[in-house]
Amino acid sequence: MVPQPHSISITLPHGGEGLLGLPAAQAQGIVLFAHGSGSSRLSPRNTMVARSLQQSGLAVLLFDLLTEAEAQHRSKVFDIPLLAERLAQAADWAANDPAIKGLPLGFFGASTGAAAALVAAAKREDVRAIVSRGGRPDLAAEALAQVKAPTLFIVGGADPLVLELNREAQRMMRCETRLEVIPGATHLFEEPGALEAVIELARAWFHKHLTAEIEVG
């Protein structure tokens, strides 16, 4: 019987529910998703991106950064340090889970989740790639200059405010960065072909930085 991609329901240490997606063959890396405010592990856009990454040979982890009770409090929804801490805890869990232990690690963040991904990555040495979709990297503030992982910013061309915030954040960073603008796309990338463009860019970025051999010396 030919192996197929499959998913496993999990509960993370903080109590948030998650879905661990494994590719058909041995995973080449793992990408943790940090969703934005008002969204969850069931976000159709992140699910679509995750499915494509899973089909391309990467493990993916979609999970809720907050418990159901916490998500009712607006202050927690926008608490970037708390969200970053939860993402870091999930990364620690992934580093010790037998199914995915030792895999090269990447973060995919959307909206405020992008700030959480950048803050979490700034304090870690094991993150090898970050992708921000329509992100608010400005909310990562001083952590931006401490990020070491190559970072790809994907922004809609019809989202001028967020585009400028991403440009400013990019100027503050000292690691490898790239800004890709999807022409005509708005913040949610709902236009025909927009999310497909995001997927293509994210997939290429993660495979470049997660599956390539690390140069020593």
Protein backbone atom coordinates (compact mmCIF):
# COMPACT_ATOMS: atom_id res chain seq x y z
CA MET A 1 0.00 0.00 0.00
CA VAL A 2 1.42 3.38 -1.04
CA PRO A 3 1.85 5.76 1.94
CA GLN A 4 -0.41 8.82 1.88
CA PRO A 5 -0.17 12.22 3.58
CA HIS A 6 -2.13 12.09 6.83
CA SER A 7 -2.94 14.25 9.85
CA ILE A 8 -3.03 13.60 13.58
CA SER A 9 -5.07 15.57 16.13
CA ILE A 10 -2.96 16.68 19.10
CA THR A 11 -3.21 18.81 22.22
CA LEU A 12 -0.24 21.05 22.95
CA PRO A 13 1.16 21.69 26.44
CA HIS A 14 -0.76 24.98 26.87
CA GLY A 15 -4.05 23.21 26.08
CA GLY A 16 -4.48 24.45 22.54
CA GLU A 17 -5.79 22.00 19.95
CA GLY A 18 -3.64 21.21 16.95
CA LEU A 19 -3.41 19.22 13.76
CA LEU A 20 -0.08 17.68 12.80
CA GLY A 21 0.12 16.97 9.08
CA LEU A 22 2.69 14.46 7.86
CA PRO A 23 3.72 13.92 4.23
CA ALA A 24 3.58 10.57 2.48
CA ALA A 25 7.35 10.05 2.69
CA GLN A 26 9.87 11.02 5.37
CA ALA A 27 9.37 14.72 6.15
CA GLN A 28 12.16 17.07 5.07
CA GLY A 29 11.26 19.76 7.57
CA ILE A 30 8.40 21.06 9.68
CA VAL A 31 6.50 24.35 9.46
CA LEU A 32 4.55 25.72 12.43
CA PHE A 33 1.67 28.07 11.62
CA ALA A 34 0.87 31.14 13.72
CA HIS A 35 -2.55 32.49 12.73
CA GLY A 36 -3.73 36.06 13.06
CA SER A 37 -6.28 37.65 15.35
CA GLY A 38 -9.81 36.31 14.97
CA SER A 39 -8.58 33.17 13.22
CA SER A 40 -7.74 29.65 14.35
CA ARG A 41 -6.12 26.38 13.31
CA LEU A 42 -9.15 25.93 11.02
CA SER A 43 -8.34 29.03 8.94
CA PRO A 44 -9.13 28.05 5.33
CA ARG A 45 -6.25 30.11 3.96
CA ASN A 46 -3.62 28.66 6.29
CA THR A 47 -5.09 25.19 5.76
CA MET A 48 -4.67 25.58 2.02
CA VAL A 49 -1.05 26.67 2.40
CA ALA A 50 -0.36 23.88 4.88
CA ARG A 51 -1.85 21.23 2.60
CA SER A 52 0.41 22.29 -0.25
CA LEU A 53 3.50 22.23 1.96
CA GLN A 54 2.51 18.80 3.25
CA GLN A 55 2.11 17.49 -0.29
CA SER A 56 5.57 18.85 -1.13
CA GLY A 57 7.25 16.79 1.59
CA LEU A 58 7.10 19.00 4.68
CA ALA A 59 5.38 18.28 7.99
CA VAL A 60 3.01 21.05 9.14
CA LEU A 61 1.50 21.97 12.48
CA LEU A 62 -1.68 24.03 12.60
CA PHE A 63 -2.71 24.85 16.16
CA ASP A 64 -4.51 27.34 18.35
CA LEU A 65 -2.15 29.73 20.09
CA LEU A 66 -4.84 30.38 22.70
CA THR A 67 -7.32 28.12 24.43
CA GLU A 68 -11.03 28.71 23.75
CA ALA A 69 -11.39 30.58 27.04
CA GLU A 70 -8.36 32.79 26.38
CA ALA A 71 -9.54 33.62 22.88
CA GLN A 72 -12.59 35.36 24.38
CA HIS A 73 -10.31 38.06 25.83
CA ARG A 74 -9.33 40.67 23.25
CA SER A 75 -6.26 41.63 25.29
CA LYS A 76 -4.84 38.12 24.87
CA VAL A 77 -5.66 37.98 21.15
CA PHE A 78 -3.27 40.90 20.59
CA ASP A 79 -0.72 39.94 23.26
CA ILE A 80 2.27 39.35 20.96
CA PRO A 81 4.68 38.20 23.73
CA LEU A 82 2.11 35.62 24.89
CA LEU A 83 1.47 34.40 21.34
CA ALA A 84 5.22 34.17 20.72
CA GLU A 85 5.66 32.18 23.93
CA ARG A 86 2.97 29.72 22.82
CA LEU A 87 4.64 29.33 19.44
CA ALA A 88 7.97 28.70 21.17
CA GLN A 89 6.35 26.08 23.39
CA ALA A 90 4.93 24.37 20.31
CA ALA A 91 8.39 24.41 18.71
CA ASP A 92 9.84 22.80 21.84
CA TRP A 93 7.12 20.15 21.71
CA ALA A 94 7.88 19.47 18.04
CA ALA A 95 11.58 19.11 18.82
CA ASN A 96 10.78 16.24 21.18
CA ASP A 97 7.91 14.47 19.44
CA PRO A 98 9.11 11.13 18.00
CA ALA A 99 7.30 11.63 14.67
CA ILE A 100 9.00 14.95 13.84
CA LYS A 101 11.97 15.20 16.20
CA GLY A 102 15.07 16.75 14.67
CA LEU A 103 13.41 18.17 11.56
CA PRO A 104 14.54 21.60 10.28
CA LEU A 105 12.09 24.18 11.66
CA GLY A 106 10.20 26.95 9.92
CA PHE A 107 7.48 29.42 10.97
CA PHE A 108 4.58 30.68 8.84
CA GLY A 109 2.78 33.67 10.32
CA ALA A 110 -0.29 35.57 9.13
CA SER A 111 -1.34 39.04 10.33
CA THR A 112 -0.48 39.33 14.05
CA GLY A 113 0.79 35.76 13.93
CA ALA A 114 3.70 37.01 11.82
CA ALA A 115 4.79 39.26 14.69
CA ALA A 116 4.55 36.32 17.09
CA ALA A 117 6.67 34.21 14.73
CA LEU A 118 9.36 36.91 14.51
CA VAL A 119 9.45 37.47 18.28
CA ALA A 120 9.69 33.73 18.94
CA ALA A 121 12.38 33.27 16.29
CA ALA A 122 14.45 36.14 17.70
CA LYS A 123 15.05 34.08 20.85
CA ARG A 124 15.87 30.78 19.12
CA GLU A 125 18.75 29.31 17.18
CA ASP A 126 16.82 26.47 15.53
CA VAL A 127 14.45 28.42 13.25
CA ARG A 128 15.75 28.20 9.69
CA ALA A 129 13.05 30.06 7.75
CA ILE A 130 10.10 32.40 8.29
CA VAL A 131 7.28 33.36 5.94
CA SER A 132 4.93 36.24 6.73
CA ARG A 133 1.61 36.45 4.84
CA GLY A 134 -0.07 39.84 5.07
CA GLY A 135 1.78 40.17 8.36
CA ARG A 136 2.18 42.89 10.94
CA PRO A 137 5.93 42.55 11.54
CA ASP A 138 5.99 46.05 12.99
CA LEU A 139 4.39 44.59 16.13
CA ALA A 140 7.58 42.59 16.72
CA ALA A 141 9.30 45.92 17.44
CA GLU A 142 12.89 45.61 18.71
CA ALA A 143 12.89 41.84 18.18
CA LEU A 144 13.18 42.41 14.43
CA ALA A 145 16.88 43.22 14.63
CA GLN A 146 17.53 39.97 16.54
CA VAL A 147 15.96 37.58 14.03
CA LYS A 148 18.54 35.37 12.33
CA ALA A 149 16.28 33.18 10.18
CA PRO A 150 15.84 34.12 6.49
CA THR A 151 12.49 35.87 6.29
CA LEU A 152 10.08 36.23 3.37
CA PHE A 153 7.40 38.92 3.52
CA ILE A 154 4.40 38.41 1.22
CA VAL A 155 2.05 41.37 0.95
CA GLY A 156 -0.89 42.25 -1.30
CA GLY A 157 -0.29 45.12 -3.67
CA ALA A 158 -3.73 46.55 -2.81
CA ASP A 159 -2.86 46.65 0.90
CA PRO A 160 -0.73 49.84 0.98
CA LEU A 161 -0.61 50.37 4.75
CA VAL A 162 0.55 46.83 5.50
CA LEU A 163 2.97 47.00 2.58
CA GLU A 164 4.65 50.06 4.05
CA LEU A 165 4.78 48.47 7.51
CA ASN A 166 6.48 45.44 5.99
CA ARG A 167 9.00 47.62 4.16
CA GLU A 168 9.84 49.43 7.39
CA ALA A 169 10.23 46.15 9.26
CA GLN A 170 12.47 44.77 6.52
CA ARG A 171 14.77 47.79 6.87
CA MET A 172 15.15 47.06 10.59
CA MET A 173 16.25 43.47 10.10
CA ARG A 174 19.84 42.28 9.77
CA CYS A 175 19.25 38.78 8.39
CA GLU A 176 18.38 37.68 4.86
CA THR A 177 14.98 39.09 3.88
CA ARG A 178 12.83 39.31 0.79
CA LEU A 179 9.62 41.21 0.10
CA GLU A 180 7.20 39.83 -2.50
CA VAL A 181 4.18 41.88 -3.54
CA ILE A 182 1.17 40.08 -5.07
CA PRO A 183 -0.30 42.58 -7.58
CA GLY A 184 -3.94 43.48 -6.95
CA ALA A 185 -4.23 41.34 -3.81
CA THR A 186 -5.87 42.69 -0.65
CA HIS A 187 -5.12 41.74 2.94
CA LEU A 188 -6.84 38.33 2.88
CA PHE A 189 -5.56 37.34 -0.59
CA GLU A 190 -9.10 36.46 -1.67
CA GLU A 191 -8.62 37.54 -5.29
CA PRO A 192 -8.36 34.82 -7.98
CA GLY A 193 -4.84 33.38 -8.01
CA ALA A 194 -3.60 35.43 -5.05
CA LEU A 195 -3.42 32.64 -2.49
CA GLU A 196 -1.95 30.30 -5.09
CA ALA A 197 0.85 32.84 -5.57
CA VAL A 198 1.40 32.92 -1.80
CA ILE A 199 1.62 29.13 -1.73
CA GLU A 200 4.16 28.99 -4.54
CA LEU A 201 6.39 31.59 -2.88
CA ALA A 202 6.14 30.02 0.58
CA ARG A 203 6.82 26.52 -0.69
CA ALA A 204 9.93 27.64 -2.58
CA TRP A 205 11.23 29.61 0.43
CA PHE A 206 10.80 26.76 2.89
CA HIS A 207 12.33 24.18 0.59
CA LYS A 208 15.29 26.45 -0.10
CA HIS A 209 16.04 27.02 3.58
CA LEU A 210 14.76 23.87 5.29
CA THR A 211 15.86 21.14 2.93
CA ALA A 212 19.24 22.56 1.89
CA GLU A 213 22.34 21.39 3.71
CA ILE A 214 23.64 23.85 6.30
CA GLU A 215 27.03 25.24 5.32
CA VAL A 216 29.66 24.89 8.03
CA GLY A 217 32.53 27.31 8.41
